[in-house]
Amino acid sequence: MESYDAMRQLVGGDAREMAKRIGRSSSLIQKWCEPSNDYSDSGAYNPLDRLEGMMDEAEKLNKHPREIYAPIRYLSQDRGVFIPLPQNSCSIEQICDQTARVIKEVGEALSAAGALLEQKNLTPIARKRALKEIDEALHELATLQGMFRHG
């Protein structure tokens, strides 16, 4: 799937309605739903293209995958689970390292949740902190799962 296909599916058939709802011009929304590979295309780089470009640049800067995928993890927080796939096959050492990270993150998440439940202190700030720990643990576990699937 191309980014403009994804945008086309998201927008549906009514660019005007989406434009009105998000405060952008309908022509811009329509251009996001069209190819934009070169000067002869009528489309415009859409938010997905821009995000992908930023992630590519972060990868070239050798940023950690946690940093590279942070925008996707942010979007998936309330919408589902993001499972990053490893780029290459994984060595046994990489799988062992990832397993150690999973154990650490799951332990921290369970500790944070346990402390809150023990104190009966589920304030919004405490809940948000615990959810962050759980999200990090799920991310590391999903990464390990991807390593086994594609490694």
N, C-alpha and C. Protein backbone atom coordinates (compact mmCIF):
# COMPACT_ATOMS: atom_id res chain seq x y z
N MET A 1 0.86 -1.18 0.00
CA MET A 1 0.00 0.00 0.00
C MET A 1 0.90 1.24 0.00
N GLU A 2 0.53 2.20 -0.77
CA GLU A 2 1.23 3.48 -0.81
C GLU A 2 0.60 4.44 0.20
N SER A 3 1.35 5.46 0.60
CA SER A 3 0.83 6.40 1.60
C SER A 3 -0.43 7.09 1.11
N TYR A 4 -0.47 7.45 -0.17
CA TYR A 4 -1.65 8.13 -0.68
C TYR A 4 -2.87 7.20 -0.69
N ASP A 5 -2.63 5.88 -0.85
CA ASP A 5 -3.74 4.92 -0.76
C ASP A 5 -4.30 4.90 0.67
N ALA A 6 -3.39 4.91 1.64
CA ALA A 6 -3.83 4.92 3.03
C ALA A 6 -4.62 6.19 3.33
N MET A 7 -4.13 7.33 2.83
CA MET A 7 -4.84 8.59 3.04
C MET A 7 -6.20 8.57 2.35
N ARG A 8 -6.24 8.01 1.15
CA ARG A 8 -7.51 7.92 0.41
C ARG A 8 -8.53 7.09 1.19
N GLN A 9 -8.06 5.98 1.77
CA GLN A 9 -8.98 5.16 2.57
C GLN A 9 -9.44 5.90 3.81
N LEU A 10 -8.53 6.61 4.45
CA LEU A 10 -8.88 7.36 5.66
C LEU A 10 -9.90 8.46 5.35
N VAL A 11 -9.66 9.20 4.29
CA VAL A 11 -10.53 10.32 3.93
C VAL A 11 -11.86 9.83 3.38
N GLY A 12 -11.84 8.70 2.70
CA GLY A 12 -13.06 8.22 2.05
C GLY A 12 -13.32 9.06 0.81
N GLY A 13 -14.54 9.22 0.45
CA GLY A 13 -14.86 9.96 -0.76
C GLY A 13 -15.11 11.44 -0.57
N ASP A 14 -14.99 11.94 0.65
CA ASP A 14 -15.39 13.32 0.88
C ASP A 14 -14.25 14.13 1.51
N ALA A 15 -13.37 14.64 0.64
CA ALA A 15 -12.24 15.45 1.11
C ALA A 15 -12.73 16.74 1.75
N ARG A 16 -13.84 17.28 1.27
CA ARG A 16 -14.36 18.53 1.84
C ARG A 16 -14.75 18.37 3.30
N GLU A 17 -15.43 17.28 3.60
CA GLU A 17 -15.86 17.06 4.99
C GLU A 17 -14.66 16.89 5.91
N MET A 18 -13.68 16.10 5.47
CA MET A 18 -12.47 15.90 6.28
C MET A 18 -11.74 17.23 6.45
N ALA A 19 -11.62 17.98 5.38
CA ALA A 19 -10.93 19.28 5.44
C ALA A 19 -11.60 20.20 6.45
N LYS A 20 -12.92 20.23 6.42
CA LYS A 20 -13.66 21.08 7.35
C LYS A 20 -13.42 20.63 8.79
N ARG A 21 -13.37 19.34 9.01
CA ARG A 21 -13.21 18.82 10.37
C ARG A 21 -11.82 19.06 10.94
N ILE A 22 -10.79 19.08 10.08
CA ILE A 22 -9.42 19.24 10.60
C ILE A 22 -8.83 20.62 10.29
N GLY A 23 -9.62 21.49 9.68
CA GLY A 23 -9.16 22.86 9.45
C GLY A 23 -8.12 23.01 8.37
N ARG A 24 -8.24 22.24 7.30
CA ARG A 24 -7.34 22.35 6.16
C ARG A 24 -8.18 22.55 4.90
N SER A 25 -7.52 22.91 3.81
CA SER A 25 -8.26 23.12 2.56
C SER A 25 -8.61 21.76 1.95
N SER A 26 -9.74 21.71 1.29
CA SER A 26 -10.15 20.45 0.66
C SER A 26 -9.20 20.08 -0.48
N SER A 27 -8.61 21.08 -1.14
CA SER A 27 -7.67 20.75 -2.22
C SER A 27 -6.42 20.08 -1.65
N LEU A 28 -5.95 20.52 -0.48
CA LEU A 28 -4.80 19.89 0.14
C LEU A 28 -5.12 18.45 0.52
N ILE A 29 -6.26 18.25 1.13
CA ILE A 29 -6.67 16.90 1.54
C ILE A 29 -6.75 16.01 0.31
N GLN A 30 -7.32 16.52 -0.76
CA GLN A 30 -7.43 15.73 -2.00
C GLN A 30 -6.05 15.40 -2.55
N LYS A 31 -5.12 16.35 -2.51
CA LYS A 31 -3.76 16.11 -3.00
C LYS A 31 -3.04 15.06 -2.16
N TRP A 32 -3.34 15.01 -0.86
CA TRP A 32 -2.74 13.98 -0.01
C TRP A 32 -3.17 12.59 -0.45
N CYS A 33 -4.29 12.49 -1.14
CA CYS A 33 -4.84 11.20 -1.55
C CYS A 33 -4.41 10.80 -2.97
N GLU A 34 -3.47 11.53 -3.54
CA GLU A 34 -2.98 11.27 -4.90
C GLU A 34 -1.48 11.03 -4.87
N PRO A 35 -0.96 10.30 -5.87
CA PRO A 35 0.50 10.05 -5.91
C PRO A 35 1.28 11.36 -5.95
N SER A 36 2.49 11.34 -5.38
CA SER A 36 3.34 12.52 -5.38
C SER A 36 4.80 12.13 -5.54
N ASN A 37 5.07 11.24 -6.49
CA ASN A 37 6.43 10.73 -6.67
C ASN A 37 7.36 11.70 -7.38
N ASP A 38 6.85 12.51 -8.29
CA ASP A 38 7.70 13.46 -8.98
C ASP A 38 6.89 14.68 -9.41
N TYR A 39 7.54 15.59 -10.13
CA TYR A 39 6.90 16.86 -10.49
C TYR A 39 5.67 16.71 -11.38
N SER A 40 5.54 15.56 -12.07
CA SER A 40 4.40 15.40 -12.98
C SER A 40 3.15 14.90 -12.27
N ASP A 41 3.30 14.44 -11.04
CA ASP A 41 2.13 13.99 -10.27
C ASP A 41 1.39 15.20 -9.69
N SER A 42 0.12 15.02 -9.49
CA SER A 42 -0.67 16.14 -8.95
C SER A 42 -0.73 16.13 -7.43
N GLY A 43 -0.27 15.07 -6.80
CA GLY A 43 -0.38 14.96 -5.35
C GLY A 43 0.62 15.82 -4.60
N ALA A 44 0.46 15.83 -3.28
CA ALA A 44 1.38 16.55 -2.39
C ALA A 44 1.85 15.57 -1.34
N TYR A 45 3.08 15.77 -0.85
CA TYR A 45 3.54 14.91 0.23
C TYR A 45 2.58 15.04 1.40
N ASN A 46 2.08 13.90 1.83
CA ASN A 46 1.10 13.90 2.91
C ASN A 46 1.79 13.67 4.25
N PRO A 47 1.05 13.75 5.33
CA PRO A 47 1.66 13.56 6.65
C PRO A 47 2.39 12.22 6.81
N LEU A 48 1.89 11.18 6.16
CA LEU A 48 2.56 9.88 6.25
C LEU A 48 3.91 9.91 5.55
N ASP A 49 3.98 10.56 4.39
CA ASP A 49 5.25 10.69 3.68
C ASP A 49 6.26 11.45 4.53
N ARG A 50 5.80 12.52 5.13
CA ARG A 50 6.69 13.35 5.95
C ARG A 50 7.19 12.59 7.17
N LEU A 51 6.29 11.87 7.81
CA LEU A 51 6.67 11.08 8.98
C LEU A 51 7.67 9.99 8.58
N GLU A 52 7.40 9.33 7.48
CA GLU A 52 8.32 8.29 7.01
C GLU A 52 9.70 8.88 6.71
N GLY A 53 9.73 10.06 6.10
CA GLY A 53 11.00 10.73 5.83
C GLY A 53 11.76 11.05 7.11
N MET A 54 11.06 11.53 8.10
CA MET A 54 11.70 11.84 9.38
C MET A 54 12.24 10.57 10.04
N MET A 55 11.48 9.49 9.97
CA MET A 55 11.93 8.24 10.56
C MET A 55 13.15 7.69 9.81
N ASP A 56 13.17 7.83 8.48
CA ASP A 56 14.33 7.42 7.69
C ASP A 56 15.57 8.20 8.11
N GLU A 57 15.40 9.51 8.30
CA GLU A 57 16.54 10.34 8.71
C GLU A 57 17.02 9.97 10.12
N ALA A 58 16.08 9.68 11.02
CA ALA A 58 16.45 9.26 12.37
C ALA A 58 17.24 7.96 12.33
N GLU A 59 16.84 7.07 11.43
CA GLU A 59 17.56 5.80 11.27
C GLU A 59 18.98 6.05 10.77
N LYS A 60 19.14 6.98 9.82
CA LYS A 60 20.47 7.32 9.31
C LYS A 60 21.35 7.92 10.41
N LEU A 61 20.72 8.56 11.37
CA LEU A 61 21.45 9.13 12.51
C LEU A 61 21.73 8.09 13.59
N ASN A 62 21.38 6.83 13.29
CA ASN A 62 21.59 5.70 14.22
C ASN A 62 20.84 5.86 15.53
N LYS A 63 19.66 6.46 15.47
CA LYS A 63 18.84 6.56 16.68
C LYS A 63 18.32 5.16 17.03
N HIS A 64 18.01 4.98 18.28
CA HIS A 64 17.48 3.71 18.77
C HIS A 64 16.08 3.50 18.18
N PRO A 65 15.73 2.24 17.86
CA PRO A 65 14.38 1.98 17.33
C PRO A 65 13.26 2.55 18.20
N ARG A 66 13.46 2.59 19.52
CA ARG A 66 12.44 3.16 20.41
C ARG A 66 12.18 4.62 20.03
N GLU A 67 13.24 5.35 19.68
CA GLU A 67 13.09 6.75 19.28
C GLU A 67 12.51 6.86 17.87
N ILE A 68 12.98 6.01 16.97
CA ILE A 68 12.51 6.05 15.57
C ILE A 68 11.01 5.77 15.51
N TYR A 69 10.56 4.78 16.25
CA TYR A 69 9.15 4.37 16.18
C TYR A 69 8.26 5.09 17.19
N ALA A 70 8.78 6.06 17.92
CA ALA A 70 7.99 6.77 18.92
C ALA A 70 6.69 7.36 18.35
N PRO A 71 6.69 7.98 17.17
CA PRO A 71 5.42 8.51 16.65
C PRO A 71 4.37 7.41 16.41
N ILE A 72 4.82 6.27 15.92
CA ILE A 72 3.87 5.18 15.66
C ILE A 72 3.37 4.61 16.98
N ARG A 73 4.27 4.46 17.94
CA ARG A 73 3.83 3.98 19.25
C ARG A 73 2.84 4.95 19.88
N TYR A 74 3.07 6.25 19.70
CA TYR A 74 2.15 7.26 20.22
C TYR A 74 0.77 7.06 19.60
N LEU A 75 0.72 6.92 18.29
CA LEU A 75 -0.57 6.74 17.62
C LEU A 75 -1.26 5.44 18.02
N SER A 76 -0.48 4.43 18.30
CA SER A 76 -1.09 3.14 18.62
C SER A 76 -1.48 3.00 20.10
N GLN A 77 -1.12 3.96 20.93
CA GLN A 77 -1.44 3.87 22.36
C GLN A 77 -2.91 3.61 22.61
N ASP A 78 -3.77 4.35 21.95
CA ASP A 78 -5.21 4.22 22.19
C ASP A 78 -5.92 3.46 21.07
N ARG A 79 -5.15 2.99 20.08
CA ARG A 79 -5.77 2.38 18.91
C ARG A 79 -5.37 0.94 18.65
N GLY A 80 -4.40 0.45 19.37
CA GLY A 80 -3.96 -0.92 19.13
C GLY A 80 -2.53 -1.10 19.56
N VAL A 81 -1.92 -2.17 19.12
CA VAL A 81 -0.55 -2.49 19.49
C VAL A 81 0.31 -2.43 18.24
N PHE A 82 1.44 -1.77 18.33
CA PHE A 82 2.38 -1.68 17.22
C PHE A 82 3.48 -2.71 17.44
N ILE A 83 3.73 -3.54 16.43
CA ILE A 83 4.77 -4.55 16.51
C ILE A 83 5.80 -4.24 15.44
N PRO A 84 6.95 -3.68 15.83
CA PRO A 84 7.98 -3.40 14.83
C PRO A 84 8.62 -4.70 14.37
N LEU A 85 8.84 -4.82 13.08
CA LEU A 85 9.47 -6.00 12.54
C LEU A 85 10.97 -5.76 12.42
N PRO A 86 11.78 -6.75 12.77
CA PRO A 86 13.22 -6.56 12.62
C PRO A 86 13.58 -6.41 11.15
N GLN A 87 14.59 -5.60 10.86
CA GLN A 87 15.00 -5.36 9.49
C GLN A 87 15.74 -6.55 8.89
N ASN A 88 16.49 -7.24 9.70
CA ASN A 88 17.29 -8.37 9.23
C ASN A 88 16.99 -9.58 10.10
N SER A 89 17.58 -10.70 9.72
CA SER A 89 17.45 -11.85 10.60
C SER A 89 18.21 -11.55 11.89
N CYS A 90 17.80 -12.19 12.95
CA CYS A 90 18.35 -11.89 14.27
C CYS A 90 19.25 -13.02 14.73
N SER A 91 20.32 -12.65 15.37
CA SER A 91 21.22 -13.65 15.94
C SER A 91 20.67 -14.09 17.30
N ILE A 92 21.20 -15.18 17.78
CA ILE A 92 20.78 -15.66 19.09
C ILE A 92 21.15 -14.65 20.17
N GLU A 93 22.27 -13.93 19.97
CA GLU A 93 22.67 -12.91 20.94
C GLU A 93 21.65 -11.78 21.00
N GLN A 94 21.16 -11.37 19.82
CA GLN A 94 20.16 -10.30 19.79
C GLN A 94 18.86 -10.74 20.46
N ILE A 95 18.48 -11.98 20.23
CA ILE A 95 17.26 -12.51 20.86
C ILE A 95 17.45 -12.59 22.37
N CYS A 96 18.62 -13.00 22.82
CA CYS A 96 18.90 -13.05 24.26
C CYS A 96 18.87 -11.65 24.87
N ASP A 97 19.48 -10.67 24.18
CA ASP A 97 19.46 -9.29 24.67
C ASP A 97 18.03 -8.77 24.76
N GLN A 98 17.24 -9.06 23.75
CA GLN A 98 15.85 -8.59 23.74
C GLN A 98 15.05 -9.27 24.84
N THR A 99 15.31 -10.54 25.07
CA THR A 99 14.62 -11.26 26.15
C THR A 99 14.94 -10.62 27.50
N ALA A 100 16.20 -10.23 27.69
CA ALA A 100 16.58 -9.56 28.94
C ALA A 100 15.83 -8.23 29.07
N ARG A 101 15.69 -7.48 27.97
CA ARG A 101 14.95 -6.21 28.02
C ARG A 101 13.47 -6.46 28.36
N VAL A 102 12.91 -7.53 27.79
CA VAL A 102 11.52 -7.87 28.09
C VAL A 102 11.34 -8.14 29.57
N ILE A 103 12.22 -8.95 30.13
CA ILE A 103 12.12 -9.29 31.55
C ILE A 103 12.22 -8.03 32.41
N LYS A 104 13.16 -7.14 32.07
CA LYS A 104 13.33 -5.90 32.82
C LYS A 104 12.08 -5.03 32.73
N GLU A 105 11.58 -4.81 31.51
CA GLU A 105 10.42 -3.93 31.31
C GLU A 105 9.15 -4.50 31.94
N VAL A 106 8.94 -5.81 31.81
CA VAL A 106 7.75 -6.42 32.42
C VAL A 106 7.84 -6.31 33.94
N GLY A 107 9.03 -6.53 34.48
CA GLY A 107 9.21 -6.39 35.93
C GLY A 107 8.89 -4.99 36.41
N GLU A 108 9.39 -3.98 35.67
CA GLU A 108 9.12 -2.59 36.04
C GLU A 108 7.63 -2.27 35.93
N ALA A 109 6.99 -2.78 34.89
CA ALA A 109 5.56 -2.51 34.71
C ALA A 109 4.74 -3.14 35.83
N LEU A 110 5.05 -4.39 36.16
CA LEU A 110 4.33 -5.07 37.24
C LEU A 110 4.59 -4.40 38.59
N SER A 111 5.81 -3.96 38.80
CA SER A 111 6.15 -3.26 40.04
C SER A 111 5.38 -1.96 40.17
N ALA A 112 5.33 -1.19 39.08
CA ALA A 112 4.60 0.08 39.10
C ALA A 112 3.11 -0.15 39.35
N ALA A 113 2.54 -1.11 38.64
CA ALA A 113 1.11 -1.39 38.81
C ALA A 113 0.82 -1.93 40.21
N GLY A 114 1.70 -2.80 40.70
CA GLY A 114 1.52 -3.36 42.03
C GLY A 114 1.57 -2.30 43.12
N ALA A 115 2.52 -1.37 42.98
CA ALA A 115 2.63 -0.30 43.98
C ALA A 115 1.38 0.56 44.00
N LEU A 116 0.83 0.86 42.83
CA LEU A 116 -0.40 1.66 42.78
C LEU A 116 -1.57 0.94 43.42
N LEU A 117 -1.69 -0.33 43.12
CA LEU A 117 -2.80 -1.11 43.67
C LEU A 117 -2.64 -1.28 45.19
N GLU A 118 -1.42 -1.47 45.62
CA GLU A 118 -1.15 -1.63 47.04
C GLU A 118 -1.51 -0.35 47.81
N GLN A 119 -1.19 0.79 47.23
CA GLN A 119 -1.46 2.08 47.87
C GLN A 119 -2.89 2.57 47.61
N LYS A 120 -3.58 1.87 46.72
CA LYS A 120 -4.92 2.30 46.30
C LYS A 120 -4.88 3.77 45.84
N ASN A 121 -3.81 4.05 45.07
CA ASN A 121 -3.54 5.42 44.64
C ASN A 121 -3.59 5.50 43.11
N LEU A 122 -4.78 5.52 42.55
CA LEU A 122 -4.94 5.55 41.10
C LEU A 122 -5.27 6.96 40.61
N THR A 123 -4.43 7.92 40.96
CA THR A 123 -4.62 9.27 40.46
C THR A 123 -4.33 9.27 38.96
N PRO A 124 -4.82 10.27 38.23
CA PRO A 124 -4.55 10.32 36.79
C PRO A 124 -3.05 10.32 36.46
N ILE A 125 -2.26 11.01 37.24
CA ILE A 125 -0.82 11.06 36.98
C ILE A 125 -0.19 9.69 37.24
N ALA A 126 -0.56 9.05 38.33
CA ALA A 126 -0.02 7.74 38.65
C ALA A 126 -0.46 6.70 37.62
N ARG A 127 -1.70 6.80 37.19
CA ARG A 127 -2.21 5.88 36.17
C ARG A 127 -1.45 6.05 34.86
N LYS A 128 -1.19 7.31 34.50
CA LYS A 128 -0.45 7.59 33.25
C LYS A 128 0.97 7.02 33.33
N ARG A 129 1.61 7.16 34.47
CA ARG A 129 2.96 6.63 34.66
C ARG A 129 2.96 5.10 34.54
N ALA A 130 1.97 4.46 35.15
CA ALA A 130 1.87 3.00 35.08
C ALA A 130 1.59 2.55 33.65
N LEU A 131 0.72 3.28 32.96
CA LEU A 131 0.43 2.93 31.56
C LEU A 131 1.67 3.07 30.68
N LYS A 132 2.50 4.04 30.97
CA LYS A 132 3.75 4.21 30.22
C LYS A 132 4.64 2.99 30.42
N GLU A 133 4.75 2.52 31.66
CA GLU A 133 5.56 1.34 31.94
C GLU A 133 5.00 0.11 31.22
N ILE A 134 3.68 -0.03 31.25
CA ILE A 134 3.05 -1.17 30.57
C ILE A 134 3.27 -1.08 29.07
N ASP A 135 3.15 0.13 28.50
CA ASP A 135 3.37 0.32 27.07
C ASP A 135 4.81 -0.06 26.69
N GLU A 136 5.77 0.34 27.49
CA GLU A 136 7.16 0.00 27.21
C GLU A 136 7.37 -1.51 27.27
N ALA A 137 6.75 -2.17 28.24
CA ALA A 137 6.87 -3.62 28.35
C ALA A 137 6.25 -4.31 27.15
N LEU A 138 5.08 -3.85 26.74
CA LEU A 138 4.43 -4.43 25.56
C LEU A 138 5.26 -4.23 24.30
N HIS A 139 5.87 -3.06 24.18
CA HIS A 139 6.72 -2.78 23.02
C HIS A 139 7.89 -3.76 22.97
N GLU A 140 8.56 -3.95 24.09
CA GLU A 140 9.71 -4.86 24.12
C GLU A 140 9.27 -6.30 23.85
N LEU A 141 8.13 -6.70 24.40
CA LEU A 141 7.61 -8.04 24.17
C LEU A 141 7.24 -8.23 22.69
N ALA A 142 6.60 -7.22 22.10
CA ALA A 142 6.23 -7.30 20.68
C ALA A 142 7.47 -7.35 19.79
N THR A 143 8.51 -6.64 20.16
CA THR A 143 9.76 -6.69 19.41
C THR A 143 10.35 -8.09 19.45
N LEU A 144 10.32 -8.71 20.63
CA LEU A 144 10.81 -10.09 20.76
C LEU A 144 9.97 -11.03 19.90
N GLN A 145 8.66 -10.83 19.91
CA GLN A 145 7.78 -11.65 19.09
C GLN A 145 8.14 -11.52 17.61
N GLY A 146 8.39 -10.29 17.17
CA GLY A 146 8.79 -10.07 15.79
C GLY A 146 10.11 -10.73 15.45
N MET A 147 11.03 -10.75 16.40
CA MET A 147 12.33 -11.39 16.18
C MET A 147 12.15 -12.89 15.94
N PHE A 148 11.26 -13.50 16.72
CA PHE A 148 11.03 -14.93 16.55
C PHE A 148 10.30 -15.22 15.23
N ARG A 149 9.39 -14.33 14.85
CA ARG A 149 8.65 -14.54 13.59
C ARG A 149 9.53 -14.37 12.36
N HIS A 150 10.39 -13.36 12.40
CA HIS A 150 11.13 -13.00 11.20
C HIS A 150 12.63 -13.22 11.33
N GLY A 151 13.07 -13.75 12.44
CA GLY A 151 14.50 -13.91 12.67
C GLY A 151 15.06 -15.19 12.19
